[in-house]
Amino acid sequence: RGIAMGWFRQAPGKEREFVAAISWSGGSTYYADSVKGRFTISRDNAK
């Protein structure tokens, strides 16, 4: 409850980079430009 979540990724030899984030309610999402339009972050708080 109340915790925003994110996804990051890391390729060998590279820094861990931001992919996507979502607010607690799911009402706000935020994407890296590299994945925008292709990836979708979502959450099911009941689960």
ModelCIF file with pLDDT and N, C-alpha, C, O atoms, coordinates in Angstrom:
data_MODEL
#
_entry.id   MODEL 
#
_entity.id                         1 
_entity.type                       polymer 
_entity.pdbx_number_of_molecules   1 
#
_entity_poly.entity_id                      1 
_entity_poly.type                           'polypeptide(L)' 
_entity_poly.nstd_linkage                   no 
_entity_poly.nstd_monomer                   no 
_entity_poly.pdbx_seq_one_letter_code       RGIAMGWFRQAPGKEREFVAAISWSGGSTYYADSVKGRFTISRDNAK 
_entity_poly.pdbx_seq_one_letter_code_can   RGIAMGWFRQAPGKEREFVAAISWSGGSTYYADSVKGRFTISRDNAK 
_entity_poly.pdbx_strand_id                 A 
#
loop_
_entity_poly_seq.entity_id 
_entity_poly_seq.num 
_entity_poly_seq.mon_id 
_entity_poly_seq.hetero 
1 1  ARG n 
1 2  GLY n 
1 3  ILE n 
1 4  ALA n 
1 5  MET n 
1 6  GLY n 
1 7  TRP n 
1 8  PHE n 
1 9  ARG n 
1 10 GLN n 
1 11 ALA n 
1 12 PRO n 
1 13 GLY n 
1 14 LYS n 
1 15 GLU n 
1 16 ARG n 
1 17 GLU n 
1 18 PHE n 
1 19 VAL n 
1 20 ALA n 
1 21 ALA n 
1 22 ILE n 
1 23 SER n 
1 24 TRP n 
1 25 SER n 
1 26 GLY n 
1 27 GLY n 
1 28 SER n 
1 29 THR n 
1 30 TYR n 
1 31 TYR n 
1 32 ALA n 
1 33 ASP n 
1 34 SER n 
1 35 VAL n 
1 36 LYS n 
1 37 GLY n 
1 38 ARG n 
1 39 PHE n 
1 40 THR n 
1 41 ILE n 
1 42 SER n 
1 43 ARG n 
1 44 ASP n 
1 45 ASN n 
1 46 ALA n 
1 47 LYS n 
#
_struct_asym.id          A 
_struct_asym.entity_id   1 
#
loop_
_ma_qa_metric.id 
_ma_qa_metric.mode 
_ma_qa_metric.name 
_ma_qa_metric.software_group_id 
_ma_qa_metric.type 
1 global pLDDT . pLDDT 
2 local  pLDDT . pLDDT 
#
_ma_qa_metric_global.metric_id      1 
_ma_qa_metric_global.metric_value   96.11 
_ma_qa_metric_global.model_id       1 
_ma_qa_metric_global.ordinal_id     1 
#
loop_
_ma_qa_metric_local.label_asym_id 
_ma_qa_metric_local.label_comp_id 
_ma_qa_metric_local.label_seq_id 
_ma_qa_metric_local.metric_id 
_ma_qa_metric_local.metric_value 
_ma_qa_metric_local.model_id 
_ma_qa_metric_local.ordinal_id 
A ARG 1  2 84.00 1 1  
A GLY 2  2 91.00 1 2  
A ILE 3  2 94.00 1 3  
A ALA 4  2 97.00 1 4  
A MET 5  2 97.00 1 5  
A GLY 6  2 98.00 1 6  
A TRP 7  2 98.00 1 7  
A PHE 8  2 98.00 1 8  
A ARG 9  2 98.00 1 9  
A GLN 10 2 98.00 1 10 
A ALA 11 2 97.00 1 11 
A PRO 12 2 92.00 1 12 
A GLY 13 2 94.00 1 13 
A LYS 14 2 96.00 1 14 
A GLU 15 2 96.00 1 15 
A ARG 16 2 97.00 1 16 
A GLU 17 2 98.00 1 17 
A PHE 18 2 98.00 1 18 
A VAL 19 2 98.00 1 19 
A ALA 20 2 98.00 1 20 
A ALA 21 2 98.00 1 21 
A ILE 22 2 98.00 1 22 
A SER 23 2 97.00 1 23 
A TRP 24 2 93.00 1 24 
A SER 25 2 92.00 1 25 
A GLY 26 2 93.00 1 26 
A GLY 27 2 94.00 1 27 
A SER 28 2 97.00 1 28 
A THR 29 2 98.00 1 29 
A TYR 30 2 98.00 1 30 
A TYR 31 2 98.00 1 31 
A ALA 32 2 98.00 1 32 
A ASP 33 2 98.00 1 33 
A SER 34 2 98.00 1 34 
A VAL 35 2 98.00 1 35 
A LYS 36 2 98.00 1 36 
A GLY 37 2 98.00 1 37 
A ARG 38 2 98.00 1 38 
A PHE 39 2 98.00 1 39 
A THR 40 2 98.00 1 40 
A ILE 41 2 98.00 1 41 
A SER 42 2 98.00 1 42 
A ARG 43 2 96.00 1 43 
A ASP 44 2 94.00 1 44 
A ASN 45 2 92.00 1 45 
A ALA 46 2 91.00 1 46 
A LYS 47 2 93.00 1 47 
#
loop_
_atom_site.group_PDB 
_atom_site.id 
_atom_site.type_symbol 
_atom_site.label_atom_id 
_atom_site.label_alt_id 
_atom_site.label_comp_id 
_atom_site.label_asym_id 
_atom_site.label_entity_id 
_atom_site.label_seq_id 
_atom_site.pdbx_PDB_ins_code 
_atom_site.Cartn_x 
_atom_site.Cartn_y 
_atom_site.Cartn_z 
_atom_site.occupancy 
_atom_site.B_iso_or_equiv 
_atom_site.pdbx_formal_charge 
_atom_site.auth_seq_id 
_atom_site.auth_comp_id 
_atom_site.auth_asym_id 
_atom_site.auth_atom_id 
_atom_site.pdbx_PDB_model_num 
ATOM 1   N N  . ARG A 1 1  ? 0.812  -1.203 0.000   1.00 84.00 ? 1  ARG A N  1 
ATOM 2   C CA . ARG A 1 1  ? 0.000  0.000  0.000   1.00 84.00 ? 1  ARG A CA 1 
ATOM 3   C C  . ARG A 1 1  ? 0.851  1.260  0.000   1.00 84.00 ? 1  ARG A C  1 
ATOM 4   O O  . ARG A 1 1  ? 1.769  1.405  0.807   1.00 84.00 ? 1  ARG A O  1 
ATOM 5   N N  . GLY A 1 2  ? 0.537  2.158  -0.906  1.00 91.00 ? 2  GLY A N  1 
ATOM 6   C CA . GLY A 1 2  ? 1.179  3.457  -0.948  1.00 91.00 ? 2  GLY A CA 1 
ATOM 7   C C  . GLY A 1 2  ? 2.544  3.495  -1.602  1.00 91.00 ? 2  GLY A C  1 
ATOM 8   O O  . GLY A 1 2  ? 3.197  4.538  -1.589  1.00 91.00 ? 2  GLY A O  1 
ATOM 9   N N  . ILE A 1 3  ? 2.993  2.393  -2.172  1.00 94.00 ? 3  ILE A N  1 
ATOM 10  C CA . ILE A 1 3  ? 4.351  2.287  -2.697  1.00 94.00 ? 3  ILE A CA 1 
ATOM 11  C C  . ILE A 1 3  ? 4.354  2.314  -4.211  1.00 94.00 ? 3  ILE A C  1 
ATOM 12  O O  . ILE A 1 3  ? 3.717  1.485  -4.860  1.00 94.00 ? 3  ILE A O  1 
ATOM 13  N N  . ALA A 1 4  ? 5.079  3.277  -4.771  1.00 97.00 ? 4  ALA A N  1 
ATOM 14  C CA . ALA A 1 4  ? 5.296  3.299  -6.209  1.00 97.00 ? 4  ALA A CA 1 
ATOM 15  C C  . ALA A 1 4  ? 6.309  2.226  -6.598  1.00 97.00 ? 4  ALA A C  1 
ATOM 16  O O  . ALA A 1 4  ? 7.179  1.862  -5.806  1.00 97.00 ? 4  ALA A O  1 
ATOM 17  N N  . MET A 1 5  ? 6.188  1.727  -7.820  1.00 97.00 ? 5  MET A N  1 
ATOM 18  C CA . MET A 1 5  ? 7.021  0.635  -8.288  1.00 97.00 ? 5  MET A CA 1 
ATOM 19  C C  . MET A 1 5  ? 7.683  1.011  -9.605  1.00 97.00 ? 5  MET A C  1 
ATOM 20  O O  . MET A 1 5  ? 7.203  1.878  -10.336 1.00 97.00 ? 5  MET A O  1 
ATOM 21  N N  . GLY A 1 6  ? 8.789  0.344  -9.892  1.00 98.00 ? 6  GLY A N  1 
ATOM 22  C CA . GLY A 1 6  ? 9.479  0.591  -11.136 1.00 98.00 ? 6  GLY A CA 1 
ATOM 23  C C  . GLY A 1 6  ? 10.093 -0.663 -11.715 1.00 98.00 ? 6  GLY A C  1 
ATOM 24  O O  . GLY A 1 6  ? 10.271 -1.670 -11.030 1.00 98.00 ? 6  GLY A O  1 
ATOM 25  N N  . TRP A 1 7  ? 10.409 -0.577 -12.992 1.00 98.00 ? 7  TRP A N  1 
ATOM 26  C CA . TRP A 1 7  ? 11.189 -1.598 -13.683 1.00 98.00 ? 7  TRP A CA 1 
ATOM 27  C C  . TRP A 1 7  ? 12.467 -0.963 -14.206 1.00 98.00 ? 7  TRP A C  1 
ATOM 28  O O  . TRP A 1 7  ? 12.455 0.137  -14.758 1.00 98.00 ? 7  TRP A O  1 
ATOM 29  N N  . PHE A 1 8  ? 13.560 -1.675 -14.022 1.00 98.00 ? 8  PHE A N  1 
ATOM 30  C CA . PHE A 1 8  ? 14.858 -1.295 -14.565 1.00 98.00 ? 8  PHE A CA 1 
ATOM 31  C C  . PHE A 1 8  ? 15.422 -2.482 -15.328 1.00 98.00 ? 8  PHE A C  1 
ATOM 32  O O  . PHE A 1 8  ? 14.944 -3.607 -15.190 1.00 98.00 ? 8  PHE A O  1 
ATOM 33  N N  . ARG A 1 9  ? 16.436 -2.221 -16.127 1.00 98.00 ? 9  ARG A N  1 
ATOM 34  C CA . ARG A 1 9  ? 17.086 -3.316 -16.835 1.00 98.00 ? 9  ARG A CA 1 
ATOM 35  C C  . ARG A 1 9  ? 18.581 -3.062 -16.911 1.00 98.00 ? 9  ARG A C  1 
ATOM 36  O O  . ARG A 1 9  ? 19.040 -1.922 -16.837 1.00 98.00 ? 9  ARG A O  1 
ATOM 37  N N  . GLN A 1 10 ? 19.328 -4.142 -17.059 1.00 98.00 ? 10 GLN A N  1 
ATOM 38  C CA . GLN A 1 10 ? 20.775 -4.039 -17.126 1.00 98.00 ? 10 GLN A CA 1 
ATOM 39  C C  . GLN A 1 10 ? 21.325 -5.075 -18.095 1.00 98.00 ? 10 GLN A C  1 
ATOM 40  O O  . GLN A 1 10 ? 21.122 -6.277 -17.923 1.00 98.00 ? 10 GLN A O  1 
ATOM 41  N N  . ALA A 1 11 ? 22.016 -4.596 -19.105 1.00 97.00 ? 11 ALA A N  1 
ATOM 42  C CA . ALA A 1 11 ? 22.715 -5.458 -20.044 1.00 97.00 ? 11 ALA A CA 1 
ATOM 43  C C  . ALA A 1 11 ? 24.154 -5.635 -19.574 1.00 97.00 ? 11 ALA A C  1 
ATOM 44  O O  . ALA A 1 11 ? 24.664 -4.784 -18.845 1.00 97.00 ? 11 ALA A O  1 
ATOM 45  N N  . PRO A 1 12 ? 24.825 -6.722 -19.973 1.00 92.00 ? 12 PRO A N  1 
ATOM 46  C CA . PRO A 1 12 ? 26.209 -6.936 -19.551 1.00 92.00 ? 12 PRO A CA 1 
ATOM 47  C C  . PRO A 1 12 ? 27.112 -5.762 -19.894 1.00 92.00 ? 12 PRO A C  1 
ATOM 48  O O  . PRO A 1 12 ? 27.110 -5.274 -21.024 1.00 92.00 ? 12 PRO A O  1 
ATOM 49  N N  . GLY A 1 13 ? 27.876 -5.318 -18.920 1.00 94.00 ? 13 GLY A N  1 
ATOM 50  C CA . GLY A 1 13 ? 28.796 -4.218 -19.132 1.00 94.00 ? 13 GLY A CA 1 
ATOM 51  C C  . GLY A 1 13 ? 28.174 -2.842 -19.142 1.00 94.00 ? 13 GLY A C  1 
ATOM 52  O O  . GLY A 1 13 ? 28.867 -1.851 -19.369 1.00 94.00 ? 13 GLY A O  1 
ATOM 53  N N  . LYS A 1 14 ? 26.879 -2.764 -18.901 1.00 96.00 ? 14 LYS A N  1 
ATOM 54  C CA . LYS A 1 14 ? 26.196 -1.483 -18.918 1.00 96.00 ? 14 LYS A CA 1 
ATOM 55  C C  . LYS A 1 14 ? 25.604 -1.159 -17.554 1.00 96.00 ? 14 LYS A C  1 
ATOM 56  O O  . LYS A 1 14 ? 25.437 -2.036 -16.706 1.00 96.00 ? 14 LYS A O  1 
ATOM 57  N N  . GLU A 1 15 ? 25.293 0.105  -17.365 1.00 96.00 ? 15 GLU A N  1 
ATOM 58  C CA . GLU A 1 15 ? 24.633 0.541  -16.150 1.00 96.00 ? 15 GLU A CA 1 
ATOM 59  C C  . GLU A 1 15 ? 23.184 0.088  -16.137 1.00 96.00 ? 15 GLU A C  1 
ATOM 60  O O  . GLU A 1 15 ? 22.553 -0.068 -17.182 1.00 96.00 ? 15 GLU A O  1 
ATOM 61  N N  . ARG A 1 16 ? 22.674 -0.117 -14.943 1.00 97.00 ? 16 ARG A N  1 
ATOM 62  C CA . ARG A 1 16 ? 21.255 -0.405 -14.804 1.00 97.00 ? 16 ARG A CA 1 
ATOM 63  C C  . ARG A 1 16 ? 20.461 0.845  -15.180 1.00 97.00 ? 16 ARG A C  1 
ATOM 64  O O  . ARG A 1 16 ? 20.709 1.927  -14.649 1.00 97.00 ? 16 ARG A O  1 
ATOM 65  N N  . GLU A 1 17 ? 19.518 0.692  -16.087 1.00 98.00 ? 17 GLU A N  1 
ATOM 66  C CA . GLU A 1 17 ? 18.787 1.830  -16.595 1.00 98.00 ? 17 GLU A CA 1 
ATOM 67  C C  . GLU A 1 17 ? 17.294 1.713  -16.339 1.00 98.00 ? 17 GLU A C  1 
ATOM 68  O O  . GLU A 1 17 ? 16.731 0.620  -16.270 1.00 98.00 ? 17 GLU A O  1 
ATOM 69  N N  . PHE A 1 18 ? 16.688 2.852  -16.204 1.00 98.00 ? 18 PHE A N  1 
ATOM 70  C CA . PHE A 1 18 ? 15.263 2.947  -15.955 1.00 98.00 ? 18 PHE A CA 1 
ATOM 71  C C  . PHE A 1 18 ? 14.465 2.504  -17.165 1.00 98.00 ? 18 PHE A C  1 
ATOM 72  O O  . PHE A 1 18 ? 14.831 2.794  -18.305 1.00 98.00 ? 18 PHE A O  1 
ATOM 73  N N  . VAL A 1 19 ? 13.374 1.801  -16.912 1.00 98.00 ? 19 VAL A N  1 
ATOM 74  C CA . VAL A 1 19 ? 12.471 1.363  -17.965 1.00 98.00 ? 19 VAL A CA 1 
ATOM 75  C C  . VAL A 1 19 ? 11.089 1.995  -17.806 1.00 98.00 ? 19 VAL A C  1 
ATOM 76  O O  . VAL A 1 19 ? 10.588 2.642  -18.725 1.00 98.00 ? 19 VAL A O  1 
ATOM 77  N N  . ALA A 1 20 ? 10.474 1.805  -16.637 1.00 98.00 ? 20 ALA A N  1 
ATOM 78  C CA . ALA A 1 20 ? 9.116  2.287  -16.424 1.00 98.00 ? 20 ALA A CA 1 
ATOM 79  C C  . ALA A 1 20 ? 8.835  2.366  -14.941 1.00 98.00 ? 20 ALA A C  1 
ATOM 80  O O  . ALA A 1 20 ? 9.472  1.683  -14.139 1.00 98.00 ? 20 ALA A O  1 
ATOM 81  N N  . ALA A 1 21 ? 7.876  3.205  -14.578 1.00 98.00 ? 21 ALA A N  1 
ATOM 82  C CA . ALA A 1 21 ? 7.450  3.327  -13.189 1.00 98.00 ? 21 ALA A CA 1 
ATOM 83  C C  . ALA A 1 21 ? 5.950  3.561  -13.141 1.00 98.00 ? 21 ALA A C  1 
ATOM 84  O O  . ALA A 1 21 ? 5.348  4.033  -14.106 1.00 98.00 ? 21 ALA A O  1 
ATOM 85  N N  . ILE A 1 22 ? 5.358  3.224  -12.004 1.00 98.00 ? 22 ILE A N  1 
ATOM 86  C CA . ILE A 1 22 ? 3.928  3.376  -11.822 1.00 98.00 ? 22 ILE A CA 1 
ATOM 87  C C  . ILE A 1 22 ? 3.644  3.802  -10.393 1.00 98.00 ? 22 ILE A C  1 
ATOM 88  O O  . ILE A 1 22 ? 4.275  3.317  -9.454  1.00 98.00 ? 22 ILE A O  1 
ATOM 89  N N  . SER A 1 23 ? 2.692  4.711  -10.233 1.00 97.00 ? 23 SER A N  1 
ATOM 90  C CA . SER A 1 23 ? 2.311  5.177  -8.914  1.00 97.00 ? 23 SER A CA 1 
ATOM 91  C C  . SER A 1 23 ? 1.512  4.114  -8.182  1.00 97.00 ? 23 SER A C  1 
ATOM 92  O O  . SER A 1 23 ? 1.108  3.107  -8.764  1.00 97.00 ? 23 SER A O  1 
ATOM 93  N N  . TRP A 1 24 ? 1.291  4.355  -6.893  1.00 93.00 ? 24 TRP A N  1 
ATOM 94  C CA . TRP A 1 24 ? 0.535  3.420  -6.072  1.00 93.00 ? 24 TRP A CA 1 
ATOM 95  C C  . TRP A 1 24 ? -0.842 3.146  -6.663  1.00 93.00 ? 24 TRP A C  1 
ATOM 96  O O  . TRP A 1 24 ? -1.265 1.993  -6.753  1.00 93.00 ? 24 TRP A O  1 
ATOM 97  N N  . SER A 1 25 ? -1.525 4.178  -7.055  1.00 92.00 ? 25 SER A N  1 
ATOM 98  C CA . SER A 1 25 ? -2.881 4.020  -7.560  1.00 92.00 ? 25 SER A CA 1 
ATOM 99  C C  . SER A 1 25 ? -2.914 3.458  -8.974  1.00 92.00 ? 25 SER A C  1 
ATOM 100 O O  . SER A 1 25 ? -3.952 2.980  -9.432  1.00 92.00 ? 25 SER A O  1 
ATOM 101 N N  . GLY A 1 26 ? -1.790 3.516  -9.661  1.00 93.00 ? 26 GLY A N  1 
ATOM 102 C CA . GLY A 1 26 ? -1.763 3.155  -11.058 1.00 93.00 ? 26 GLY A CA 1 
ATOM 103 C C  . GLY A 1 26 ? -2.157 4.283  -11.978 1.00 93.00 ? 26 GLY A C  1 
ATOM 104 O O  . GLY A 1 26 ? -2.143 4.126  -13.198 1.00 93.00 ? 26 GLY A O  1 
ATOM 105 N N  . GLY A 1 27 ? -2.507 5.417  -11.407 1.00 94.00 ? 27 GLY A N  1 
ATOM 106 C CA . GLY A 1 27 ? -2.970 6.536  -12.199 1.00 94.00 ? 27 GLY A CA 1 
ATOM 107 C C  . GLY A 1 27 ? -1.882 7.283  -12.943 1.00 94.00 ? 27 GLY A C  1 
ATOM 108 O O  . GLY A 1 27 ? -2.168 8.008  -13.896 1.00 94.00 ? 27 GLY A O  1 
ATOM 109 N N  . SER A 1 28 ? -0.644 7.117  -12.522 1.00 97.00 ? 28 SER A N  1 
ATOM 110 C CA . SER A 1 28 ? 0.481  7.777  -13.170 1.00 97.00 ? 28 SER A CA 1 
ATOM 111 C C  . SER A 1 28 ? 1.498  6.745  -13.604 1.00 97.00 ? 28 SER A C  1 
ATOM 112 O O  . SER A 1 28 ? 1.900  5.888  -12.817 1.00 97.00 ? 28 SER A O  1 
ATOM 113 N N  . THR A 1 29 ? 1.912  6.825  -14.844 1.00 98.00 ? 29 THR A N  1 
ATOM 114 C CA . THR A 1 29 ? 2.979  5.978  -15.359 1.00 98.00 ? 29 THR A CA 1 
ATOM 115 C C  . THR A 1 29 ? 4.034  6.834  -16.022 1.00 98.00 ? 29 THR A C  1 
ATOM 116 O O  . THR A 1 29 ? 3.773  7.964  -16.437 1.00 98.00 ? 29 THR A O  1 
ATOM 117 N N  . TYR A 1 30 ? 5.222  6.284  -16.114 1.00 98.00 ? 30 TYR A N  1 
ATOM 118 C CA . TYR A 1 30 ? 6.377  7.027  -16.596 1.00 98.00 ? 30 TYR A CA 1 
ATOM 119 C C  . TYR A 1 30 ? 7.286  6.037  -17.299 1.00 98.00 ? 30 TYR A C  1 
ATOM 120 O O  . TYR A 1 30 ? 7.614  4.991  -16.739 1.00 98.00 ? 30 TYR A O  1 
ATOM 121 N N  . TYR A 1 31 ? 7.701  6.354  -18.530 1.00 98.00 ? 31 TYR A N  1 
ATOM 122 C CA . TYR A 1 31 ? 8.476  5.439  -19.343 1.00 98.00 ? 31 TYR A CA 1 
ATOM 123 C C  . TYR A 1 31 ? 9.743  6.087  -19.866 1.00 98.00 ? 31 TYR A C  1 
ATOM 124 O O  . TYR A 1 31 ? 9.780  7.284  -20.152 1.00 98.00 ? 31 TYR A O  1 
ATOM 125 N N  . ALA A 1 32 ? 10.774 5.276  -19.985 1.00 98.00 ? 32 ALA A N  1 
ATOM 126 C CA . ALA A 1 32 ? 11.951 5.711  -20.711 1.00 98.00 ? 32 ALA A CA 1 
ATOM 127 C C  . ALA A 1 32 ? 11.595 5.908  -22.183 1.00 98.00 ? 32 ALA A C  1 
ATOM 128 O O  . ALA A 1 32 ? 10.756 5.191  -22.728 1.00 98.00 ? 32 ALA A O  1 
ATOM 129 N N  . ASP A 1 33 ? 12.232 6.874  -22.811 1.00 98.00 ? 33 ASP A N  1 
ATOM 130 C CA . ASP A 1 33 ? 11.945 7.138  -24.216 1.00 98.00 ? 33 ASP A CA 1 
ATOM 131 C C  . ASP A 1 33 ? 12.175 5.910  -25.091 1.00 98.00 ? 33 ASP A C  1 
ATOM 132 O O  . ASP A 1 33 ? 11.485 5.723  -26.094 1.00 98.00 ? 33 ASP A O  1 
ATOM 133 N N  . SER A 1 34 ? 13.126 5.087  -24.722 1.00 98.00 ? 34 SER A N  1 
ATOM 134 C CA . SER A 1 34 ? 13.481 3.932  -25.532 1.00 98.00 ? 34 SER A CA 1 
ATOM 135 C C  . SER A 1 34 ? 12.389 2.870  -25.590 1.00 98.00 ? 34 SER A C  1 
ATOM 136 O O  . SER A 1 34 ? 12.380 2.041  -26.500 1.00 98.00 ? 34 SER A O  1 
ATOM 137 N N  . VAL A 1 35 ? 11.468 2.887  -24.627 1.00 98.00 ? 35 VAL A N  1 
ATOM 138 C CA . VAL A 1 35 ? 10.422 1.871  -24.592 1.00 98.00 ? 35 VAL A CA 1 
ATOM 139 C C  . VAL A 1 35 ? 9.029  2.450  -24.746 1.00 98.00 ? 35 VAL A C  1 
ATOM 140 O O  . VAL A 1 35 ? 8.059  1.699  -24.845 1.00 98.00 ? 35 VAL A O  1 
ATOM 141 N N  . LYS A 1 36 ? 8.911  3.745  -24.767 1.00 98.00 ? 36 LYS A N  1 
ATOM 142 C CA . LYS A 1 36 ? 7.608  4.391  -24.848 1.00 98.00 ? 36 LYS A CA 1 
ATOM 143 C C  . LYS A 1 36 ? 6.875  3.952  -26.114 1.00 98.00 ? 36 LYS A C  1 
ATOM 144 O O  . LYS A 1 36 ? 7.436  3.956  -27.209 1.00 98.00 ? 36 LYS A O  1 
ATOM 145 N N  . GLY A 1 37 ? 5.629  3.580  -25.941 1.00 98.00 ? 37 GLY A N  1 
ATOM 146 C CA . GLY A 1 37 ? 4.827  3.111  -27.053 1.00 98.00 ? 37 GLY A CA 1 
ATOM 147 C C  . GLY A 1 37 ? 4.921  1.620  -27.287 1.00 98.00 ? 37 GLY A C  1 
ATOM 148 O O  . GLY A 1 37 ? 4.110  1.060  -28.024 1.00 98.00 ? 37 GLY A O  1 
ATOM 149 N N  . ARG A 1 38 ? 5.895  0.964  -26.675 1.00 98.00 ? 38 ARG A N  1 
ATOM 150 C CA . ARG A 1 38 ? 6.065  -0.478 -26.836 1.00 98.00 ? 38 ARG A CA 1 
ATOM 151 C C  . ARG A 1 38 ? 5.806  -1.241 -25.542 1.00 98.00 ? 38 ARG A C  1 
ATOM 152 O O  . ARG A 1 38 ? 5.279  -2.353 -25.569 1.00 98.00 ? 38 ARG A O  1 
ATOM 153 N N  . PHE A 1 39 ? 6.173  -0.649 -24.415 1.00 98.00 ? 39 PHE A N  1 
ATOM 154 C CA . PHE A 1 39 ? 6.025  -1.295 -23.116 1.00 98.00 ? 39 PHE A CA 1 
ATOM 155 C C  . PHE A 1 39 ? 4.892  -0.636 -22.337 1.00 98.00 ? 39 PHE A C  1 
ATOM 156 O O  . PHE A 1 39 ? 4.623  0.556  -22.491 1.00 98.00 ? 39 PHE A O  1 
ATOM 157 N N  . THR A 1 40 ? 4.238  -1.429 -21.504 1.00 98.00 ? 40 THR A N  1 
ATOM 158 C CA . THR A 1 40 ? 3.193  -0.925 -20.634 1.00 98.00 ? 40 THR A CA 1 
ATOM 159 C C  . THR A 1 40 ? 3.382  -1.484 -19.235 1.00 98.00 ? 40 THR A C  1 
ATOM 160 O O  . THR A 1 40 ? 3.469  -2.698 -19.051 1.00 98.00 ? 40 THR A O  1 
ATOM 161 N N  . ILE A 1 41 ? 3.445  -0.602 -18.255 1.00 98.00 ? 41 ILE A N  1 
ATOM 162 C CA . ILE A 1 41 ? 3.527  -1.019 -16.866 1.00 98.00 ? 41 ILE A CA 1 
ATOM 163 C C  . ILE A 1 41 ? 2.136  -0.941 -16.248 1.00 98.00 ? 41 ILE A C  1 
ATOM 164 O O  . ILE A 1 41 ? 1.377  -0.011 -16.522 1.00 98.00 ? 41 ILE A O  1 
ATOM 165 N N  . SER A 1 42 ? 1.813  -1.909 -15.426 1.00 98.00 ? 42 SER A N  1 
ATOM 166 C CA . SER A 1 42 ? 0.528  -1.928 -14.744 1.00 98.00 ? 42 SER A CA 1 
ATOM 167 C C  . SER A 1 42 ? 0.699  -2.619 -13.400 1.00 98.00 ? 42 SER A C  1 
ATOM 168 O O  . SER A 1 42 ? 1.745  -3.207 -13.123 1.00 98.00 ? 42 SER A O  1 
ATOM 169 N N  . ARG A 1 43 ? -0.333 -2.545 -12.569 1.00 96.00 ? 43 ARG A N  1 
ATOM 170 C CA . ARG A 1 43 ? -0.265 -3.216 -11.276 1.00 96.00 ? 43 ARG A CA 1 
ATOM 171 C C  . ARG A 1 43 ? -1.632 -3.674 -10.842 1.00 96.00 ? 43 ARG A C  1 
ATOM 172 O O  . ARG A 1 43 ? -2.653 -3.092 -11.209 1.00 96.00 ? 43 ARG A O  1 
ATOM 173 N N  . ASP A 1 44 ? -1.636 -4.722 -10.059 1.00 94.00 ? 44 ASP A N  1 
ATOM 174 C CA . ASP A 1 44 ? -2.836 -5.255 -9.443  1.00 94.00 ? 44 ASP A CA 1 
ATOM 175 C C  . ASP A 1 44 ? -2.553 -5.290 -7.950  1.00 94.00 ? 44 ASP A C  1 
ATOM 176 O O  . ASP A 1 44 ? -1.924 -6.223 -7.450  1.00 94.00 ? 44 ASP A O  1 
ATOM 177 N N  . ASN A 1 45 ? -3.017 -4.276 -7.246  1.00 92.00 ? 45 ASN A N  1 
ATOM 178 C CA . ASN A 1 45 ? -2.687 -4.159 -5.834  1.00 92.00 ? 45 ASN A CA 1 
ATOM 179 C C  . ASN A 1 45 ? -3.316 -5.259 -4.989  1.00 92.00 ? 45 ASN A C  1 
ATOM 180 O O  . ASN A 1 45 ? -2.772 -5.627 -3.947  1.00 92.00 ? 45 ASN A O  1 
ATOM 181 N N  . ALA A 1 46 ? -4.444 -5.781 -5.423  1.00 91.00 ? 46 ALA A N  1 
ATOM 182 C CA . ALA A 1 46 ? -5.065 -6.884 -4.702  1.00 91.00 ? 46 ALA A CA 1 
ATOM 183 C C  . ALA A 1 46 ? -4.192 -8.130 -4.730  1.00 91.00 ? 46 ALA A C  1 
ATOM 184 O O  . ALA A 1 46 ? -4.271 -8.970 -3.834  1.00 91.00 ? 46 ALA A O  1 
ATOM 185 N N  . LYS A 1 47 ? -3.364 -8.248 -5.755  1.00 93.00 ? 47 LYS A N  1 
ATOM 186 C CA . LYS A 1 47 ? -2.460 -9.383 -5.888  1.00 93.00 ? 47 LYS A CA 1 
ATOM 187 C C  . LYS A 1 47 ? -1.020 -9.041 -5.532  1.00 93.00 ? 47 LYS A C  1 
ATOM 188 O O  . LYS A 1 47 ? -0.146 -9.904 -5.599  1.00 93.00 ? 47 LYS A O  1 
#
